Amino acid sequence: MPSRRNEYRCTVEINQNGKYCVRIRAQFGRHRWTVAAYFLASSFDRAMKRLEQVLQLLQQQEEKLWFWCAERSDDPELTREMLKEIGLELDLRSETPRKSASIVIAPERPVPAFQLAALRRTLADSFTEARAAVASD
């Protein structure tokens, strides 16, 4: 039986402008639907604070997003507009970075603080490792 839970895979990268790019690939188990999005932040702390807000919003608006973006429309512009409403951009990249963190949550439930803390630690560790690898090259 397929999982009815939502899984969020998250990564943090620094773009060419020095901004923190947080990518989220959300797989909604109830409808077997996936959406990939990203946002930019000026610091790691702001990125993590915004990630917490975004995950809570995605959990709350799962039905609305699925209904209007997947069920009712094949128009990617509608998906793009709905994501913009919650401060995200549609991520059209197909590859996912190797260093990612994920959490799994039951639909329509708030994201528990202990899972957010673990996600933050994992992303901070992977980000630190990536920066150390670049510095040693």
Protein backbone atom coordinates (compact mmCIF):
# COMPACT_ATOMS: atom_id res chain seq x y z
CA MET A 1 0.00 0.00 0.00
CA PRO A 2 1.50 3.37 -0.99
CA SER A 3 2.29 5.87 1.73
CA ARG A 4 -0.34 8.50 2.41
CA ARG A 5 2.25 10.74 4.00
CA ASN A 6 3.87 13.84 2.58
CA GLU A 7 7.61 13.85 2.05
CA TYR A 8 9.64 17.02 1.72
CA ARG A 9 13.21 16.77 0.38
CA CYS A 10 15.13 19.98 1.01
CA THR A 11 18.53 21.28 -0.02
CA VAL A 12 20.46 24.49 0.55
CA GLU A 13 22.96 25.91 -1.93
CA ILE A 14 24.61 29.27 -2.42
CA ASN A 15 23.94 30.79 -5.84
CA GLN A 16 26.26 32.99 -7.89
CA ASN A 17 24.95 36.12 -6.17
CA GLY A 18 25.75 34.80 -2.71
CA LYS A 19 22.11 34.11 -1.83
CA TYR A 20 21.02 30.93 -0.12
CA CYS A 21 18.83 28.92 -2.48
CA VAL A 22 16.53 26.53 -0.66
CA ARG A 23 15.01 23.88 -2.90
CA ILE A 24 12.01 21.81 -1.84
CA ARG A 25 10.61 18.75 -3.60
CA ALA A 26 7.25 17.96 -2.03
CA GLN A 27 5.68 14.58 -2.66
CA PHE A 28 2.09 14.56 -1.47
CA GLY A 29 1.09 10.98 -0.68
CA ARG A 30 -2.66 11.38 -0.66
CA HIS A 31 -2.84 12.30 -4.34
CA ARG A 32 0.57 10.97 -5.43
CA TRP A 33 1.51 14.41 -6.67
CA THR A 34 4.90 16.14 -6.67
CA VAL A 35 5.82 19.80 -6.84
CA ALA A 36 9.32 21.27 -6.87
CA ALA A 37 9.92 24.83 -5.71
CA TYR A 38 12.61 27.09 -4.33
CA PHE A 39 13.15 30.40 -2.59
CA LEU A 40 16.13 32.66 -1.93
CA ALA A 41 17.31 34.04 1.40
CA SER A 42 20.13 36.34 2.42
CA SER A 43 21.42 34.20 5.31
CA PHE A 44 21.28 30.61 6.49
CA ASP A 45 19.20 31.57 9.55
CA ARG A 46 16.66 33.41 7.39
CA ALA A 47 16.58 30.46 5.00
CA MET A 48 15.76 28.07 7.84
CA LYS A 49 13.11 30.36 9.32
CA ARG A 50 11.49 30.74 5.90
CA LEU A 51 11.74 26.97 5.26
CA GLU A 52 9.77 26.34 8.44
CA GLN A 53 7.05 28.75 7.29
CA VAL A 54 6.95 27.26 3.78
CA LEU A 55 6.63 23.69 5.04
CA GLN A 56 3.76 24.69 7.31
CA LEU A 57 2.03 26.48 4.40
CA LEU A 58 2.49 23.52 2.05
CA GLN A 59 0.99 21.23 4.67
CA GLN A 60 -1.98 23.59 5.16
CA GLN A 61 -2.60 24.24 1.46
CA GLU A 62 -1.99 20.76 0.06
CA GLU A 63 -5.58 20.23 -1.09
CA LYS A 64 -5.84 23.66 -2.70
CA LEU A 65 -2.53 23.26 -4.53
CA TRP A 66 -3.38 19.78 -5.75
CA PHE A 67 -6.88 20.74 -6.86
CA TRP A 68 -5.90 23.83 -8.83
CA CYS A 69 -2.43 22.83 -10.02
CA ALA A 70 -2.66 19.11 -10.70
CA GLU A 71 -6.30 18.16 -11.00
CA ARG A 72 -7.74 21.18 -12.79
CA SER A 73 -4.89 22.51 -14.85
CA ASP A 74 -2.08 21.43 -17.12
CA ASP A 75 -0.95 25.04 -17.21
CA PRO A 76 2.39 25.47 -15.39
CA GLU A 77 1.69 29.19 -15.09
CA LEU A 78 -1.18 28.48 -12.69
CA THR A 79 1.14 26.40 -10.53
CA ARG A 80 3.75 29.15 -10.71
CA GLU A 81 1.20 31.78 -9.61
CA MET A 82 -0.09 29.70 -6.71
CA LEU A 83 3.45 29.06 -5.47
CA LYS A 84 4.23 32.79 -5.73
CA GLU A 85 1.32 33.42 -3.35
CA ILE A 86 3.24 31.57 -0.65
CA GLY A 87 6.63 33.04 -1.59
CA LEU A 88 8.00 30.24 -3.77
CA GLU A 89 9.22 29.89 -7.32
CA LEU A 90 8.57 26.82 -9.45
CA ASP A 91 11.77 24.76 -9.73
CA LEU A 92 12.09 23.39 -13.26
CA ARG A 93 15.43 21.66 -12.65
CA SER A 94 15.16 17.90 -12.88
CA GLU A 95 18.28 16.95 -10.93
CA THR A 96 18.28 16.87 -7.18
CA PRO A 97 21.50 17.57 -5.28
CA ARG A 98 22.98 14.57 -3.49
CA LYS A 99 23.08 16.30 -0.13
CA SER A 100 19.49 16.70 0.93
CA ALA A 101 17.41 16.31 4.04
CA SER A 102 13.90 14.98 4.18
CA ILE A 103 10.98 14.81 6.54
CA VAL A 104 7.79 12.80 6.33
CA ILE A 105 4.53 14.13 7.77
CA ALA A 106 0.91 13.03 7.78
CA PRO A 107 -1.25 15.24 5.50
CA GLU A 108 -2.75 18.42 6.95
CA ARG A 109 -0.80 18.12 10.20
CA PRO A 110 1.53 20.85 11.41
CA VAL A 111 5.22 20.08 11.00
CA PRO A 112 6.46 19.11 14.49
CA ALA A 113 9.20 21.27 15.99
CA PHE A 114 11.47 18.28 16.64
CA GLN A 115 11.38 17.35 12.94
CA LEU A 116 12.16 20.94 11.96
CA ALA A 117 15.12 20.98 14.34
CA ALA A 118 16.46 17.73 12.89
CA LEU A 119 15.96 19.05 9.34
CA ARG A 120 17.84 22.24 10.20
CA ARG A 121 20.76 20.28 11.72
CA THR A 122 21.00 17.97 8.70
CA LEU A 123 20.93 20.88 6.25
CA ALA A 124 23.51 22.81 8.28
CA ASP A 125 25.79 19.76 8.36
CA SER A 126 25.45 19.09 4.63
CA PHE A 127 25.97 22.76 3.86
CA THR A 128 29.10 22.91 6.03
CA GLU A 129 30.49 19.75 4.37
CA ALA A 130 29.86 21.17 0.90
CA ARG A 131 31.61 24.45 1.75
CA ALA A 132 34.59 22.55 3.25
CA ALA A 133 34.86 20.43 0.08
CA VAL A 134 34.88 23.56 -2.13
CA ALA A 135 37.49 25.25 0.08
CA SER A 136 39.82 22.25 -0.12
CA ASP A 137 39.73 22.13 -3.95
